[in-house]
Amino acid sequence: MAASANLTFSQQTFAESLKLPFPLLSDFPERKLIRAYGVLNEKTMNANRSFFLIDPQGIVRKKWIVENPATTVVYSDTLLRDIQEIMGKR
C-alpha cells in the first residue's frame, strides 16, 4: 500500500499508469496518515518520500526516509535485503 497528499484522481491515474498491484491512498486534504507517521513537510504540505516496514500486527519495524528525492535513488534490492534481514529470512 502507498499513500500521499495527492488528490484521489491523481493517485488513481498514477497507479493505473504503472499497473501497480497495490492500492495508492490519498491522504488529502487532512494529511492525517502523513502526520501520524511523522513525514509531513510542513512547508510544502507534502509527505517526505519514505518507506515503512509494518508487520502483520501493525508494528513499524523499520522506516526509510529519503532526504532528497530529487537526487537520491532508492534501490529495491537494498530495501528487500533490509526487509529480509528484519523478518529473519536471510
N, C-alpha and C. Protein backbone atom coordinates (compact mmCIF):
# COMPACT_ATOMS: atom_id res chain seq x y z
N MET A 1 0.84 -1.16 0.00
CA MET A 1 0.00 0.00 0.00
C MET A 1 0.90 1.23 0.00
N ALA A 2 0.39 2.29 -0.59
CA ALA A 2 1.13 3.55 -0.60
C ALA A 2 0.14 4.68 -0.35
N ALA A 3 0.66 5.79 0.17
CA ALA A 3 -0.19 6.95 0.44
C ALA A 3 0.58 8.22 0.14
N SER A 4 -0.16 9.25 -0.24
CA SER A 4 0.44 10.57 -0.42
C SER A 4 -0.62 11.63 -0.22
N ALA A 5 -0.20 12.88 -0.28
CA ALA A 5 -1.13 14.00 -0.11
C ALA A 5 -1.73 14.43 -1.43
N ASN A 6 -1.58 13.64 -2.46
CA ASN A 6 -2.16 13.97 -3.76
C ASN A 6 -3.66 13.68 -3.77
N LEU A 7 -4.35 14.30 -4.71
CA LEU A 7 -5.78 14.06 -4.87
C LEU A 7 -6.04 12.62 -5.30
N THR A 8 -7.22 12.11 -4.96
CA THR A 8 -7.59 10.75 -5.30
C THR A 8 -7.45 10.49 -6.80
N PHE A 9 -7.90 11.43 -7.62
CA PHE A 9 -7.79 11.27 -9.07
C PHE A 9 -6.33 11.09 -9.49
N SER A 10 -5.44 11.89 -8.93
CA SER A 10 -4.01 11.78 -9.26
C SER A 10 -3.47 10.42 -8.87
N GLN A 11 -3.85 9.94 -7.70
CA GLN A 11 -3.39 8.63 -7.23
C GLN A 11 -3.85 7.53 -8.18
N GLN A 12 -5.11 7.58 -8.55
CA GLN A 12 -5.67 6.54 -9.43
C GLN A 12 -4.97 6.56 -10.79
N THR A 13 -4.78 7.73 -11.34
CA THR A 13 -4.12 7.86 -12.64
C THR A 13 -2.69 7.33 -12.58
N PHE A 14 -1.98 7.69 -11.52
CA PHE A 14 -0.59 7.24 -11.35
C PHE A 14 -0.54 5.72 -11.21
N ALA A 15 -1.40 5.16 -10.37
CA ALA A 15 -1.42 3.71 -10.16
C ALA A 15 -1.74 2.96 -11.45
N GLU A 16 -2.71 3.47 -12.20
CA GLU A 16 -3.07 2.82 -13.46
C GLU A 16 -1.95 2.90 -14.48
N SER A 17 -1.24 4.04 -14.51
CA SER A 17 -0.16 4.20 -15.49
C SER A 17 0.98 3.22 -15.23
N LEU A 18 1.18 2.87 -13.97
CA LEU A 18 2.25 1.93 -13.62
C LEU A 18 1.77 0.50 -13.44
N LYS A 19 0.44 0.31 -13.55
CA LYS A 19 -0.17 -1.02 -13.35
C LYS A 19 0.25 -1.61 -12.00
N LEU A 20 0.15 -0.77 -10.96
CA LEU A 20 0.57 -1.20 -9.63
C LEU A 20 -0.37 -2.26 -9.07
N PRO A 21 0.18 -3.29 -8.42
CA PRO A 21 -0.65 -4.36 -7.86
C PRO A 21 -1.11 -4.08 -6.42
N PHE A 22 -1.01 -2.84 -5.99
CA PHE A 22 -1.42 -2.47 -4.64
C PHE A 22 -2.09 -1.10 -4.68
N PRO A 23 -2.88 -0.79 -3.66
CA PRO A 23 -3.61 0.48 -3.68
C PRO A 23 -2.72 1.68 -3.33
N LEU A 24 -3.07 2.82 -3.91
CA LEU A 24 -2.48 4.09 -3.55
C LEU A 24 -3.57 4.90 -2.85
N LEU A 25 -3.32 5.28 -1.63
CA LEU A 25 -4.31 6.01 -0.86
C LEU A 25 -4.04 7.50 -0.89
N SER A 26 -5.11 8.27 -0.95
CA SER A 26 -5.00 9.72 -0.90
C SER A 26 -5.21 10.19 0.53
N ASP A 27 -4.25 10.92 1.04
CA ASP A 27 -4.34 11.48 2.40
C ASP A 27 -4.69 12.97 2.32
N PHE A 28 -5.41 13.33 1.26
CA PHE A 28 -5.79 14.71 1.03
C PHE A 28 -7.23 14.90 1.45
N PRO A 29 -7.63 15.95 2.09
CA PRO A 29 -6.84 17.13 2.40
C PRO A 29 -6.29 17.14 3.83
N GLU A 30 -6.74 16.23 4.69
CA GLU A 30 -6.37 16.32 6.11
C GLU A 30 -4.93 15.94 6.42
N ARG A 31 -4.38 15.01 5.63
CA ARG A 31 -3.00 14.55 5.83
C ARG A 31 -2.80 13.90 7.19
N LYS A 32 -3.80 13.20 7.67
CA LYS A 32 -3.74 12.56 8.99
C LYS A 32 -2.69 11.44 9.03
N LEU A 33 -2.68 10.61 8.01
CA LEU A 33 -1.74 9.49 7.97
C LEU A 33 -0.30 9.98 7.90
N ILE A 34 -0.06 10.96 7.04
CA ILE A 34 1.29 11.50 6.87
C ILE A 34 1.77 12.14 8.17
N ARG A 35 0.89 12.84 8.85
CA ARG A 35 1.26 13.44 10.15
C ARG A 35 1.54 12.34 11.18
N ALA A 36 0.66 11.33 11.22
CA ALA A 36 0.80 10.25 12.22
C ALA A 36 2.14 9.52 12.07
N TYR A 37 2.61 9.39 10.83
CA TYR A 37 3.88 8.71 10.60
C TYR A 37 5.08 9.66 10.65
N GLY A 38 4.82 10.93 10.89
CA GLY A 38 5.90 11.89 11.08
C GLY A 38 6.66 12.25 9.83
N VAL A 39 6.01 12.21 8.67
CA VAL A 39 6.72 12.51 7.43
C VAL A 39 6.13 13.69 6.66
N LEU A 40 5.32 14.51 7.32
CA LEU A 40 4.75 15.68 6.66
C LEU A 40 5.76 16.80 6.61
N ASN A 41 6.00 17.31 5.41
CA ASN A 41 6.83 18.50 5.23
C ASN A 41 5.89 19.69 5.37
N GLU A 42 5.98 20.40 6.48
CA GLU A 42 5.06 21.49 6.78
C GLU A 42 5.15 22.64 5.77
N LYS A 43 6.31 22.82 5.17
CA LYS A 43 6.48 23.91 4.20
C LYS A 43 5.71 23.63 2.91
N THR A 44 5.82 22.41 2.41
CA THR A 44 5.17 22.07 1.15
C THR A 44 3.83 21.37 1.33
N MET A 45 3.56 20.94 2.56
CA MET A 45 2.35 20.19 2.90
C MET A 45 2.26 18.87 2.12
N ASN A 46 3.41 18.32 1.76
CA ASN A 46 3.50 17.02 1.13
C ASN A 46 4.27 16.08 2.04
N ALA A 47 4.20 14.82 1.73
CA ALA A 47 4.95 13.83 2.51
C ALA A 47 6.39 13.79 2.04
N ASN A 48 7.31 13.65 2.99
CA ASN A 48 8.69 13.34 2.62
C ASN A 48 8.69 11.92 2.08
N ARG A 49 9.44 11.68 1.03
CA ARG A 49 9.49 10.33 0.46
C ARG A 49 10.00 9.37 1.52
N SER A 50 9.23 8.33 1.78
CA SER A 50 9.58 7.41 2.86
C SER A 50 8.97 6.04 2.60
N PHE A 51 9.55 5.06 3.25
CA PHE A 51 9.09 3.69 3.16
C PHE A 51 9.02 3.14 4.58
N PHE A 52 7.97 2.37 4.87
CA PHE A 52 7.79 1.78 6.19
C PHE A 52 7.59 0.28 6.06
N LEU A 53 8.26 -0.48 6.92
CA LEU A 53 8.03 -1.91 7.00
C LEU A 53 7.14 -2.14 8.22
N ILE A 54 5.91 -2.58 7.96
CA ILE A 54 4.92 -2.78 9.02
C ILE A 54 4.57 -4.26 9.04
N ASP A 55 4.71 -4.89 10.21
CA ASP A 55 4.45 -6.32 10.32
C ASP A 55 2.94 -6.59 10.40
N PRO A 56 2.53 -7.86 10.35
CA PRO A 56 1.10 -8.19 10.37
C PRO A 56 0.36 -7.70 11.63
N GLN A 57 1.08 -7.43 12.71
CA GLN A 57 0.46 -6.93 13.93
C GLN A 57 0.34 -5.40 13.92
N GLY A 58 0.82 -4.76 12.85
CA GLY A 58 0.72 -3.31 12.73
C GLY A 58 1.88 -2.56 13.36
N ILE A 59 2.95 -3.26 13.71
CA ILE A 59 4.12 -2.63 14.33
C ILE A 59 5.10 -2.19 13.23
N VAL A 60 5.52 -0.92 13.30
CA VAL A 60 6.51 -0.42 12.35
C VAL A 60 7.86 -0.99 12.75
N ARG A 61 8.41 -1.82 11.89
CA ARG A 61 9.70 -2.47 12.16
C ARG A 61 10.88 -1.64 11.67
N LYS A 62 10.66 -0.86 10.62
CA LYS A 62 11.74 0.00 10.11
C LYS A 62 11.11 1.05 9.21
N LYS A 63 11.77 2.22 9.17
CA LYS A 63 11.37 3.23 8.20
C LYS A 63 12.60 3.78 7.51
N TRP A 64 12.41 4.08 6.26
CA TRP A 64 13.46 4.68 5.45
C TRP A 64 12.94 6.03 5.00
N ILE A 65 13.68 7.10 5.27
CA ILE A 65 13.31 8.44 4.87
C ILE A 65 14.30 8.91 3.81
N VAL A 66 13.80 9.33 2.67
CA VAL A 66 14.65 9.83 1.60
C VAL A 66 14.80 11.33 1.81
N GLU A 67 16.00 11.76 2.13
CA GLU A 67 16.24 13.16 2.45
C GLU A 67 16.07 14.07 1.24
N ASN A 68 16.56 13.65 0.09
CA ASN A 68 16.47 14.48 -1.10
C ASN A 68 16.02 13.62 -2.28
N PRO A 69 14.70 13.49 -2.51
CA PRO A 69 14.23 12.61 -3.57
C PRO A 69 14.65 13.03 -4.97
N ALA A 70 15.04 14.29 -5.14
CA ALA A 70 15.49 14.75 -6.46
C ALA A 70 16.84 14.16 -6.84
N THR A 71 17.65 13.84 -5.83
CA THR A 71 18.99 13.32 -6.12
C THR A 71 19.26 11.94 -5.55
N THR A 72 18.34 11.42 -4.75
CA THR A 72 18.55 10.12 -4.11
C THR A 72 17.76 9.04 -4.84
N VAL A 73 18.44 7.97 -5.20
CA VAL A 73 17.80 6.83 -5.84
C VAL A 73 17.62 5.76 -4.78
N VAL A 74 16.40 5.23 -4.69
CA VAL A 74 16.14 4.14 -3.75
C VAL A 74 16.13 2.85 -4.54
N TYR A 75 17.05 1.96 -4.20
CA TYR A 75 17.16 0.71 -4.91
C TYR A 75 16.34 -0.37 -4.21
N SER A 76 15.48 -1.03 -4.95
CA SER A 76 14.59 -2.02 -4.36
C SER A 76 15.36 -3.18 -3.75
N ASP A 77 16.53 -3.55 -4.31
CA ASP A 77 17.29 -4.65 -3.74
C ASP A 77 17.82 -4.29 -2.36
N THR A 78 18.13 -3.02 -2.13
CA THR A 78 18.57 -2.58 -0.81
C THR A 78 17.44 -2.69 0.20
N LEU A 79 16.26 -2.22 -0.18
CA LEU A 79 15.09 -2.34 0.71
C LEU A 79 14.77 -3.80 0.97
N LEU A 80 14.78 -4.63 -0.07
CA LEU A 80 14.46 -6.04 0.08
C LEU A 80 15.45 -6.73 1.01
N ARG A 81 16.72 -6.42 0.89
CA ARG A 81 17.74 -7.01 1.76
C ARG A 81 17.47 -6.64 3.22
N ASP A 82 17.18 -5.36 3.47
CA ASP A 82 16.86 -4.91 4.83
C ASP A 82 15.61 -5.62 5.36
N ILE A 83 14.60 -5.73 4.53
CA ILE A 83 13.35 -6.37 4.94
C ILE A 83 13.59 -7.83 5.28
N GLN A 84 14.34 -8.53 4.43
CA GLN A 84 14.63 -9.94 4.68
C GLN A 84 15.40 -10.12 5.98
N GLU A 85 16.34 -9.22 6.24
CA GLU A 85 17.12 -9.29 7.47
C GLU A 85 16.23 -9.08 8.69
N ILE A 86 15.37 -8.06 8.63
CA ILE A 86 14.48 -7.75 9.75
C ILE A 86 13.50 -8.89 9.99
N MET A 87 13.00 -9.47 8.92
CA MET A 87 11.99 -10.52 9.04
C MET A 87 12.63 -11.90 9.28
N GLY A 88 13.96 -11.94 9.33
CA GLY A 88 14.65 -13.20 9.62
C GLY A 88 14.63 -14.20 8.49
N LYS A 89 14.65 -13.72 7.26
CA LYS A 89 14.59 -14.60 6.11
C LYS A 89 15.85 -14.52 5.28
N ARG A 90 16.95 -14.44 5.95
CA ARG A 90 18.24 -14.37 5.24
C ARG A 90 18.79 -15.72 5.01
